[in-house]
Amino acid sequence: MRLDVLLAIIGMALATYLCRAGGYALFRALRPPRFVEVTLQHLPGPIFVAYVAPALAAQGAKGFAAAAVVVAAQAATRNLAAAIAAGVGAMWLLGLAA
């Protein structure tokens, strides 16, 4: 194993840990204003969309159709595993049709 690669991996892991631990330490020491708390509660959804939107756009109409299937399955079942399975199945079926 190359030492430079190992050191890079360890450095990245340390930086990630310090960012997370620093955030926890900061919020334990300081009480953020109410609007910051509310904003942080709504962040997971937009972050997820930011990750998923480019992949959907790369798939075109097929990706957006599968995303609609995921949303419908989640609304109908309230089960994340079922929604993911429905989306994967939709992409597979749409891939067969293409």
PDB file of N, CA and C in Angstrom:
ATOM      1  N   MET A   1       0.852  -1.177   0.000  1.00  0.00           N
ATOM      2  CA  MET A   1       0.000   0.000   0.000  1.00  0.00           C
ATOM      3  C   MET A   1       0.900   1.243   0.000  1.00  0.00           C
ATOM      4  N   ARG A   2       0.473   2.243  -0.740  1.00  0.00           N
ATOM      5  CA  ARG A   2       1.244   3.480  -0.836  1.00  0.00           C
ATOM      6  C   ARG A   2       0.965   4.364   0.368  1.00  0.00           C
ATOM      7  N   LEU A   3       1.998   4.900   0.955  1.00  0.00           N
ATOM      8  CA  LEU A   3       1.877   5.724   2.152  1.00  0.00           C
ATOM      9  C   LEU A   3       1.112   7.010   1.864  1.00  0.00           C
ATOM     10  N   ASP A   4       1.334   7.616   0.692  1.00  0.00           N
ATOM     11  CA  ASP A   4       0.655   8.876   0.384  1.00  0.00           C
ATOM     12  C   ASP A   4      -0.855   8.675   0.269  1.00  0.00           C
ATOM     13  N   VAL A   5      -1.270   7.546  -0.277  1.00  0.00           N
ATOM     14  CA  VAL A   5      -2.707   7.257  -0.388  1.00  0.00           C
ATOM     15  C   VAL A   5      -3.298   7.029   0.999  1.00  0.00           C
ATOM     16  N   LEU A   6      -2.614   6.269   1.824  1.00  0.00           N
ATOM     17  CA  LEU A   6      -3.074   6.014   3.185  1.00  0.00           C
ATOM     18  C   LEU A   6      -3.193   7.314   3.980  1.00  0.00           C
ATOM     19  N   LEU A   7      -2.199   8.180   3.865  1.00  0.00           N
ATOM     20  CA  LEU A   7      -2.243   9.463   4.571  1.00  0.00           C
ATOM     21  C   LEU A   7      -3.371  10.350   4.058  1.00  0.00           C
ATOM     22  N   ALA A   8      -3.628  10.314   2.765  1.00  0.00           N
ATOM     23  CA  ALA A   8      -4.737  11.092   2.215  1.00  0.00           C
ATOM     24  C   ALA A   8      -6.074  10.595   2.762  1.00  0.00           C
ATOM     25  N   ILE A   9      -6.255   9.290   2.826  1.00  0.00           N
ATOM     26  CA  ILE A   9      -7.495   8.722   3.357  1.00  0.00           C
ATOM     27  C   ILE A   9      -7.663   9.082   4.828  1.00  0.00           C
ATOM     28  N   ILE A  10      -6.593   8.951   5.600  1.00  0.00           N
ATOM     29  CA  ILE A  10      -6.662   9.297   7.022  1.00  0.00           C
ATOM     30  C   ILE A  10      -6.945  10.785   7.202  1.00  0.00           C
ATOM     31  N   GLY A  11      -6.316  11.616   6.392  1.00  0.00           N
ATOM     32  CA  GLY A  11      -6.565  13.059   6.465  1.00  0.00           C
ATOM     33  C   GLY A  11      -7.997  13.423   6.147  1.00  0.00           C
ATOM     34  N   MET A  12      -8.555  12.795   5.128  1.00  0.00           N
ATOM     35  CA  MET A  12      -9.954  13.065   4.777  1.00  0.00           C
ATOM     36  C   MET A  12     -10.904  12.593   5.868  1.00  0.00           C
ATOM     37  N   ALA A  13     -10.617  11.428   6.438  1.00  0.00           N
ATOM     38  CA  ALA A  13     -11.453  10.922   7.531  1.00  0.00           C
ATOM     39  C   ALA A  13     -11.389  11.860   8.726  1.00  0.00           C
ATOM     40  N   LEU A  14     -10.209  12.349   9.046  1.00  0.00           N
ATOM     41  CA  LEU A  14     -10.043  13.277  10.164  1.00  0.00           C
ATOM     42  C   LEU A  14     -10.775  14.592   9.902  1.00  0.00           C
ATOM     43  N   ALA A  15     -10.672  15.112   8.685  1.00  0.00           N
ATOM     44  CA  ALA A  15     -11.368  16.354   8.348  1.00  0.00           C
ATOM     45  C   ALA A  15     -12.878  16.177   8.452  1.00  0.00           C
ATOM     46  N   THR A  16     -13.384  15.051   7.978  1.00  0.00           N
ATOM     47  CA  THR A  16     -14.817  14.784   8.069  1.00  0.00           C
ATOM     48  C   THR A  16     -15.255  14.697   9.520  1.00  0.00           C
ATOM     49  N   TYR A  17     -14.490  13.969  10.332  1.00  0.00           N
ATOM     50  CA  TYR A  17     -14.832  13.827  11.746  1.00  0.00           C
ATOM     51  C   TYR A  17     -14.819  15.190  12.442  1.00  0.00           C
ATOM     52  N   LEU A  18     -13.792  16.002  12.192  1.00  0.00           N
ATOM     53  CA  LEU A  18     -13.695  17.303  12.844  1.00  0.00           C
ATOM     54  C   LEU A  18     -14.835  18.233  12.447  1.00  0.00           C
ATOM     55  N   CYS A  19     -15.270  18.162  11.184  1.00  0.00           N
ATOM     56  CA  CYS A  19     -16.416  18.984  10.758  1.00  0.00           C
ATOM     57  C   CYS A  19     -17.677  18.573  11.500  1.00  0.00           C
ATOM     58  N   ARG A  20     -17.923  17.284  11.595  1.00  0.00           N
ATOM     59  CA  ARG A  20     -19.113  16.802  12.299  1.00  0.00           C
ATOM     60  C   ARG A  20     -19.023  17.081  13.792  1.00  0.00           C
ATOM     61  N   ALA A  21     -17.900  16.739  14.403  1.00  0.00           N
ATOM     62  CA  ALA A  21     -17.736  16.949  15.841  1.00  0.00           C
ATOM     63  C   ALA A  21     -17.759  18.440  16.174  1.00  0.00           C
ATOM     64  N   GLY A  22     -17.175  19.249  15.303  1.00  0.00           N
ATOM     65  CA  GLY A  22     -17.193  20.694  15.529  1.00  0.00           C
ATOM     66  C   GLY A  22     -18.597  21.261  15.515  1.00  0.00           C
ATOM     67  N   GLY A  23     -19.422  20.769  14.613  1.00  0.00           N
ATOM     68  CA  GLY A  23     -20.812  21.220  14.573  1.00  0.00           C
ATOM     69  C   GLY A  23     -21.573  20.839  15.828  1.00  0.00           C
ATOM     70  N   TYR A  24     -21.381  19.596  16.282  1.00  0.00           N
ATOM     71  CA  TYR A  24     -22.043  19.171  17.521  1.00  0.00           C
ATOM     72  C   TYR A  24     -21.558  19.999  18.711  1.00  0.00           C
ATOM     73  N   ALA A  25     -20.252  20.225  18.790  1.00  0.00           N
ATOM     74  CA  ALA A  25     -19.699  21.000  19.897  1.00  0.00           C
ATOM     75  C   ALA A  25     -20.219  22.433  19.872  1.00  0.00           C
ATOM     76  N   LEU A  26     -20.307  23.013  18.692  1.00  0.00           N
ATOM     77  CA  LEU A  26     -20.801  24.380  18.561  1.00  0.00           C
ATOM     78  C   LEU A  26     -22.247  24.489  19.019  1.00  0.00           C
ATOM     79  N   PHE A  27     -23.093  23.544  18.587  1.00  0.00           N
ATOM     80  CA  PHE A  27     -24.505  23.616  18.965  1.00  0.00           C
ATOM     81  C   PHE A  27     -24.742  23.236  20.421  1.00  0.00           C
ATOM     82  N   ARG A  28     -23.810  22.529  21.041  1.00  0.00           N
ATOM     83  CA  ARG A  28     -23.930  22.263  22.482  1.00  0.00           C
ATOM     84  C   ARG A  28     -23.547  23.497  23.278  1.00  0.00           C
ATOM     85  N   ALA A  29     -22.577  24.279  22.773  1.00  0.00           N
ATOM     86  CA  ALA A  29     -22.101  25.451  23.497  1.00  0.00           C
ATOM     87  C   ALA A  29     -22.983  26.675  23.265  1.00  0.00           C
ATOM     88  N   LEU A  30     -23.523  26.796  22.088  1.00  0.00           N
ATOM     89  CA  LEU A  30     -24.338  27.969  21.731  1.00  0.00           C
ATOM     90  C   LEU A  30     -25.746  27.536  21.347  1.00  0.00           C
ATOM     91  N   ARG A  31     -26.708  28.301  21.754  1.00  0.00           N
ATOM     92  CA  ARG A  31     -28.098  28.026  21.369  1.00  0.00           C
ATOM     93  C   ARG A  31     -28.393  28.845  20.109  1.00  0.00           C
ATOM     94  N   PRO A  32     -28.629  28.146  18.969  1.00  0.00           N
ATOM     95  CA  PRO A  32     -28.890  28.907  17.739  1.00  0.00           C
ATOM     96  C   PRO A  32     -30.262  29.588  17.799  1.00  0.00           C
ATOM     97  N   PRO A  33     -30.435  30.661  17.047  1.00  0.00           N
ATOM     98  CA  PRO A  33     -31.748  31.310  16.992  1.00  0.00           C
ATOM     99  C   PRO A  33     -32.808  30.343  16.446  1.00  0.00           C
ATOM    100  N   ARG A  34     -34.045  30.608  16.741  1.00  0.00           N
ATOM    101  CA  ARG A  34     -35.142  29.716  16.350  1.00  0.00           C
ATOM    102  C   ARG A  34     -35.185  29.496  14.835  1.00  0.00           C
ATOM    103  N   PHE A  35     -34.964  30.538  14.042  1.00  0.00           N
ATOM    104  CA  PHE A  35     -35.036  30.374  12.588  1.00  0.00           C
ATOM    105  C   PHE A  35     -33.949  29.419  12.079  1.00  0.00           C
ATOM    106  N   VAL A  36     -32.788  29.378  12.754  1.00  0.00           N
ATOM    107  CA  VAL A  36     -31.732  28.446  12.358  1.00  0.00           C
ATOM    108  C   VAL A  36     -32.163  27.018  12.673  1.00  0.00           C
ATOM    109  N   GLU A  37     -32.766  26.807  13.838  1.00  0.00           N
ATOM    110  CA  GLU A  37     -33.261  25.476  14.193  1.00  0.00           C
ATOM    111  C   GLU A  37     -34.299  24.989  13.192  1.00  0.00           C
ATOM    112  N   VAL A  38     -35.231  25.856  12.826  1.00  0.00           N
ATOM    113  CA  VAL A  38     -36.275  25.487  11.867  1.00  0.00           C
ATOM    114  C   VAL A  38     -35.661  25.189  10.500  1.00  0.00           C
ATOM    115  N   THR A  39     -34.700  26.007  10.088  1.00  0.00           N
ATOM    116  CA  THR A  39     -34.036  25.784   8.801  1.00  0.00           C
ATOM    117  C   THR A  39     -33.320  24.441   8.789  1.00  0.00           C
ATOM    118  N   LEU A  40     -32.615  24.124   9.871  1.00  0.00           N
ATOM    119  CA  LEU A  40     -31.885  22.865   9.932  1.00  0.00           C
ATOM    120  C   LEU A  40     -32.820  21.660   9.921  1.00  0.00           C
ATOM    121  N   GLN A  41     -34.035  21.822  10.443  1.00  0.00           N
ATOM    122  CA  GLN A  41     -34.998  20.722  10.417  1.00  0.00           C
ATOM    123  C   GLN A  41     -35.464  20.410   9.003  1.00  0.00           C
ATOM    124  N   HIS A  42     -35.428  21.407   8.118  1.00  0.00           N
ATOM    125  CA  HIS A  42     -35.904  21.214   6.747  1.00  0.00           C
ATOM    126  C   HIS A  42     -34.789  20.914   5.758  1.00  0.00           C
ATOM    127  N   LEU A  43     -33.551  20.866   6.202  1.00  0.00           N
ATOM    128  CA  LEU A  43     -32.429  20.646   5.286  1.00  0.00           C
ATOM    129  C   LEU A  43     -32.347  19.265   4.646  1.00  0.00           C
ATOM    130  N   PRO A  44     -32.682  18.175   5.316  1.00  0.00           N
ATOM    131  CA  PRO A  44     -32.492  16.867   4.677  1.00  0.00           C
ATOM    132  C   PRO A  44     -33.207  16.725   3.327  1.00  0.00           C
ATOM    133  N   GLY A  45     -34.414  17.224   3.213  1.00  0.00           N
ATOM    134  CA  GLY A  45     -35.147  17.130   1.945  1.00  0.00           C
ATOM    135  C   GLY A  45     -34.444  17.838   0.796  1.00  0.00           C
ATOM    136  N   PRO A  46     -34.123  19.129   0.936  1.00  0.00           N
ATOM    137  CA  PRO A  46     -33.423  19.822  -0.154  1.00  0.00           C
ATOM    138  C   PRO A  46     -32.051  19.231  -0.478  1.00  0.00           C
ATOM    139  N   ILE A  47     -31.337  18.750   0.542  1.00  0.00           N
ATOM    140  CA  ILE A  47     -30.027  18.137   0.264  1.00  0.00           C
ATOM    141  C   ILE A  47     -30.212  16.868  -0.549  1.00  0.00           C
ATOM    142  N   PHE A  48     -31.219  16.064  -0.199  1.00  0.00           N
ATOM    143  CA  PHE A  48     -31.496  14.851  -0.952  1.00  0.00           C
ATOM    144  C   PHE A  48     -31.857  15.183  -2.399  1.00  0.00           C
ATOM    145  N   VAL A  49     -32.691  16.192  -2.599  1.00  0.00           N
ATOM    146  CA  VAL A  49     -33.077  16.597  -3.955  1.00  0.00           C
ATOM    147  C   VAL A  49     -31.851  17.066  -4.734  1.00  0.00           C
ATOM    148  N   ALA A  50     -30.943  17.795  -4.067  1.00  0.00           N
ATOM    149  CA  ALA A  50     -29.733  18.258  -4.745  1.00  0.00           C
ATOM    150  C   ALA A  50     -28.858  17.091  -5.206  1.00  0.00           C
ATOM    151  N   TYR A  51     -28.854  16.005  -4.455  1.00  0.00           N
ATOM    152  CA  TYR A  51     -28.092  14.822  -4.867  1.00  0.00           C
ATOM    153  C   TYR A  51     -28.791  14.060  -5.990  1.00  0.00           C
ATOM    154  N   VAL A  52     -30.103  13.986  -5.929  1.00  0.00           N
ATOM    155  CA  VAL A  52     -30.863  13.126  -6.840  1.00  0.00           C
ATOM    156  C   VAL A  52     -31.171  13.807  -8.175  1.00  0.00           C
ATOM    157  N   ALA A  53     -31.406  15.110  -8.161  1.00  0.00           N
ATOM    158  CA  ALA A  53     -31.830  15.809  -9.381  1.00  0.00           C
ATOM    159  C   ALA A  53     -30.868  15.635 -10.561  1.00  0.00           C
ATOM    160  N   PRO A  54     -29.564  15.762 -10.390  1.00  0.00           N
ATOM    161  CA  PRO A  54     -28.677  15.555 -11.548  1.00  0.00           C
ATOM    162  C   PRO A  54     -28.768  14.136 -12.125  1.00  0.00           C
ATOM    163  N   ALA A  55     -28.907  13.142 -11.261  1.00  0.00           N
ATOM    164  CA  ALA A  55     -29.034  11.763 -11.748  1.00  0.00           C
ATOM    165  C   ALA A  55     -30.338  11.584 -12.511  1.00  0.00           C
ATOM    166  N   LEU A  56     -31.414  12.199 -12.020  1.00  0.00           N
ATOM    167  CA  LEU A  56     -32.696  12.116 -12.737  1.00  0.00           C
ATOM    168  C   LEU A  56     -32.602  12.820 -14.085  1.00  0.00           C
ATOM    169  N   ALA A  57     -31.986  13.979 -14.095  1.00  0.00           N
ATOM    170  CA  ALA A  57     -31.849  14.719 -15.349  1.00  0.00           C
ATOM    171  C   ALA A  57     -31.018  13.934 -16.363  1.00  0.00           C
ATOM    172  N   ALA A  58     -30.010  13.211 -15.887  1.00  0.00           N
ATOM    173  CA  ALA A  58     -29.182  12.411 -16.792  1.00  0.00           C
ATOM    174  C   ALA A  58     -29.987  11.278 -17.424  1.00  0.00           C
ATOM    175  N   GLN A  59     -30.987  10.779 -16.719  1.00  0.00           N
ATOM    176  CA  GLN A  59     -31.828   9.702 -17.249  1.00  0.00           C
ATOM    177  C   GLN A  59     -32.951  10.230 -18.133  1.00  0.00           C
ATOM    178  N   GLY A  60     -33.207  11.526 -18.079  1.00  0.00           N
ATOM    179  CA  GLY A  60     -34.259  12.116 -18.906  1.00  0.00           C
ATOM    180  C   GLY A  60     -35.649  11.759 -18.400  1.00  0.00           C
ATOM    181  N   ALA A  61     -36.576  11.611 -19.321  1.00  0.00           N
ATOM    182  CA  ALA A  61     -37.977  11.342 -18.971  1.00  0.00           C
ATOM    183  C   ALA A  61     -38.118  10.033 -18.199  1.00  0.00           C
ATOM    184  N   LYS A  62     -37.289   9.063 -18.514  1.00  0.00           N
ATOM    185  CA  LYS A  62     -37.328   7.776 -17.820  1.00  0.00           C
ATOM    186  C   LYS A  62     -37.038   7.963 -16.325  1.00  0.00           C
ATOM    187  N   GLY A  63     -36.059   8.767 -15.994  1.00  0.00           N
ATOM    188  CA  GLY A  63     -35.716   9.029 -14.602  1.00  0.00           C
ATOM    189  C   GLY A  63     -36.821   9.747 -13.860  1.00  0.00           C
ATOM    190  N   PHE A  64     -37.424  10.738 -14.504  1.00  0.00           N
ATOM    191  CA  PHE A  64     -38.500  11.477 -13.853  1.00  0.00           C
ATOM    192  C   PHE A  64     -39.754  10.616 -13.699  1.00  0.00           C
ATOM    193  N   ALA A  65     -39.999   9.728 -14.642  1.00  0.00           N
ATOM    194  CA  ALA A  65     -41.139   8.802 -14.515  1.00  0.00           C
ATOM    195  C   ALA A  65     -40.912   7.852 -13.336  1.00  0.00           C
ATOM    196  N   ALA A  66     -39.702   7.341 -13.198  1.00  0.00           N
ATOM    197  CA  ALA A  66     -39.397   6.464 -12.065  1.00  0.00           C
ATOM    198  C   ALA A  66     -39.500   7.228 -10.748  1.00  0.00           C
ATOM    199  N   ALA A  67     -39.086   8.486 -10.746  1.00  0.00           N
ATOM    200  CA  ALA A  67     -39.204   9.309  -9.537  1.00  0.00           C
ATOM    201  C   ALA A  67     -40.671   9.502  -9.163  1.00  0.00           C
ATOM    202  N   ALA A  68     -41.521   9.672 -10.160  1.00  0.00           N
ATOM    203  CA  ALA A  68     -42.956   9.794  -9.881  1.00  0.00           C
ATOM    204  C   ALA A  68     -43.505   8.511  -9.274  1.00  0.00           C
ATOM    205  N   VAL A  69     -43.004   7.371  -9.740  1.00  0.00           N
ATOM    206  CA  VAL A  69     -43.410   6.087  -9.163  1.00  0.00           C
ATOM    207  C   VAL A  69     -42.973   6.006  -7.698  1.00  0.00           C
ATOM    208  N   VAL A  70     -41.763   6.468  -7.408  1.00  0.00           N
ATOM    209  CA  VAL A  70     -41.267   6.463  -6.027  1.00  0.00           C
ATOM    210  C   VAL A  70     -42.157   7.321  -5.136  1.00  0.00           C
ATOM    211  N   VAL A  71     -42.479   8.517  -5.591  1.00  0.00           N
ATOM    212  CA  VAL A  71     -43.327   9.422  -4.801  1.00  0.00           C
ATOM    213  C   VAL A  71     -44.707   8.796  -4.578  1.00  0.00           C
ATOM    214  N   ALA A  72     -45.280   8.218  -5.624  1.00  0.00           N
ATOM    215  CA  ALA A  72     -46.591   7.583  -5.482  1.00  0.00           C
ATOM    216  C   ALA A  72     -46.542   6.392  -4.529  1.00  0.00           C
ATOM    217  N   ALA A  73     -45.495   5.586  -4.632  1.00  0.00           N
ATOM    218  CA  ALA A  73     -45.369   4.425  -3.744  1.00  0.00           C
ATOM    219  C   ALA A  73     -45.181   4.864  -2.295  1.00  0.00           C
ATOM    220  N   GLN A  74     -44.384   5.899  -2.078  1.00  0.00           N
ATOM    221  CA  GLN A  74     -44.170   6.394  -0.717  1.00  0.00           C
ATOM    222  C   GLN A  74     -45.466   6.969  -0.152  1.00  0.00           C
ATOM    223  N   ALA A  75     -46.207   7.708  -0.956  1.00  0.00           N
ATOM    224  CA  ALA A  75     -47.471   8.272  -0.485  1.00  0.00           C
ATOM    225  C   ALA A  75     -48.492   7.179  -0.182  1.00  0.00           C
ATOM    226  N   ALA A  76     -48.485   6.133  -0.985  1.00  0.00           N
ATOM    227  CA  ALA A  76     -49.472   5.062  -0.795  1.00  0.00           C
ATOM    228  C   ALA A  76     -49.121   4.140   0.365  1.00  0.00           C
ATOM    229  N   THR A  77     -47.827   3.824   0.530  1.00  0.00           N
ATOM    230  CA  THR A  77     -47.449   2.815   1.520  1.00  0.00           C
ATOM    231  C   THR A  77     -46.816   3.382   2.781  1.00  0.00           C
ATOM    232  N   ARG A  78     -46.259   4.592   2.691  1.00  0.00           N
ATOM    233  CA  ARG A  78     -45.499   5.177   3.807  1.00  0.00           C
ATOM    234  C   ARG A  78     -44.352   4.256   4.240  1.00  0.00           C
ATOM    235  N   ASN A  79     -43.817   3.528   3.261  1.00  0.00           N
ATOM    236  CA  ASN A  79     -42.753   2.570   3.521  1.00  0.00           C
ATOM    237  C   ASN A  79     -41.596   2.890   2.582  1.00  0.00           C
ATOM    238  N   LEU A  80     -40.476   3.332   3.163  1.00  0.00           N
ATOM    239  CA  LEU A  80     -39.338   3.748   2.346  1.00  0.00           C
ATOM    240  C   LEU A  80     -38.785   2.605   1.510  1.00  0.00           C
ATOM    241  N   ALA A  81     -38.701   1.407   2.094  1.00  0.00           N
ATOM    242  CA  ALA A  81     -38.169   0.257   1.351  1.00  0.00           C
ATOM    243  C   ALA A  81     -39.051  -0.066   0.150  1.00  0.00           C
ATOM    244  N   ALA A  82     -40.364  -0.007   0.339  1.00  0.00           N
ATOM    245  CA  ALA A  82     -41.284  -0.273  -0.773  1.00  0.00           C
ATOM    246  C   ALA A  82     -41.149   0.789  -1.863  1.00  0.00           C
ATOM    247  N   ALA A  83     -40.976   2.041  -1.452  1.00  0.00           N
ATOM    248  CA  ALA A  83     -40.826   3.123  -2.431  1.00  0.00           C
ATOM    249  C   ALA A  83     -39.538   2.955  -3.231  1.00  0.00           C
ATOM    250  N   ILE A  84     -38.448   2.603  -2.549  1.00  0.00           N
ATOM    251  CA  ILE A  84     -37.181   2.385  -3.249  1.00  0.00           C
ATOM    252  C   ILE A  84     -37.304   1.206  -4.207  1.00  0.00           C
ATOM    253  N   ALA A  85     -37.908   0.127  -3.749  1.00  0.00           N
ATOM    254  CA  ALA A  85     -38.091  -1.042  -4.614  1.00  0.00           C
ATOM    255  C   ALA A  85     -38.944  -0.701  -5.828  1.00  0.00           C
ATOM    256  N   ALA A  86     -39.990   0.094  -5.615  1.00  0.00           N
ATOM    257  CA  ALA A  86     -40.843   0.505  -6.736  1.00  0.00           C
ATOM    258  C   ALA A  86     -40.056   1.347  -7.741  1.00  0.00           C
ATOM    259  N   GLY A  87     -39.208   2.249  -7.250  1.00  0.00           N
ATOM    260  CA  GLY A  87     -38.405   3.080  -8.141  1.00  0.00           C
ATOM    261  C   GLY A  87     -37.387   2.275  -8.929  1.00  0.00           C
ATOM    262  N   VAL A  88     -36.731   1.342  -8.257  1.00  0.00           N
ATOM    263  CA  VAL A  88     -35.769   0.489  -8.954  1.00  0.00           C
ATOM    264  C   VAL A  88     -36.483  -0.365 -10.000  1.00  0.00           C
ATOM    265  N   GLY A  89     -37.626  -0.908  -9.618  1.00  0.00           N
ATOM    266  CA  GLY A  89     -38.411  -1.705 -10.567  1.00  0.00           C
ATOM    267  C   GLY A  89     -38.869  -0.881 -11.759  1.00  0.00           C
ATOM    268  N   ALA A  90     -39.292   0.354 -11.487  1.00  0.00           N
ATOM    269  CA  ALA A  90     -39.730   1.225 -12.590  1.00  0.00           C
ATOM    270  C   ALA A  90     -38.570   1.526 -13.537  1.00  0.00           C
ATOM    271  N   MET A  91     -37.397   1.818 -12.973  1.00  0.00           N
ATOM    272  CA  MET A  91     -36.243   2.086 -13.842  1.00  0.00           C
ATOM    273  C   MET A  91     -35.887   0.847 -14.674  1.00  0.00           C
ATOM    274  N   TRP A  92     -35.969  -0.321 -14.047  1.00  0.00           N
ATOM    275  CA  TRP A  92     -35.673  -1.552 -14.762  1.00  0.00           C
ATOM    276  C   TRP A  92     -36.667  -1.769 -15.900  1.00  0.00           C
ATOM    277  N   LEU A  93     -37.965  -1.610 -15.600  1.00  0.00           N
ATOM    278  CA  LEU A  93     -38.976  -1.794 -16.644  1.00  0.00           C
ATOM    279  C   LEU A  93     -38.848  -0.749 -17.750  1.00  0.00           C
ATOM    280  N   LEU A  94     -38.593   0.486 -17.364  1.00  0.00           N
ATOM    281  CA  LEU A  94     -38.436   1.542 -18.376  1.00  0.00           C
ATOM    282  C   LEU A  94     -37.164   1.311 -19.190  1.00  0.00           C
ATOM    283  N   GLY A  95     -36.143   0.723 -18.588  1.00  0.00           N
ATOM    284  CA  GLY A  95     -34.914   0.397 -19.308  1.00  0.00           C
ATOM    285  C   GLY A  95     -35.148  -0.708 -20.321  1.00  0.00           C
ATOM    286  N   LEU A  96     -36.028  -1.669 -19.968  1.00  0.00           N
ATOM    287  CA  LEU A  96     -36.367  -2.749 -20.888  1.00  0.00           C
ATOM    288  C   LEU A  96     -37.152  -2.224 -22.084  1.00  0.00           C
ATOM    289  N   ALA A  97     -38.006  -1.221 -21.806  1.00  0.00           N
ATOM    290  CA  ALA A  97     -38.850  -0.672 -22.862  1.00  0.00           C
ATOM    291  C   ALA A  97     -38.057   0.215 -23.825  1.00  0.00           C
ATOM    292  N   ALA A  98     -36.931   0.724 -23.369  1.00  0.00           N
ATOM    293  CA  ALA A  98     -36.169   1.674 -24.204  1.00  0.00           C
ATOM    294  C   ALA A  98     -35.410   0.998 -25.298  1.00  0.00           C
TER     295      ALA A  98
END
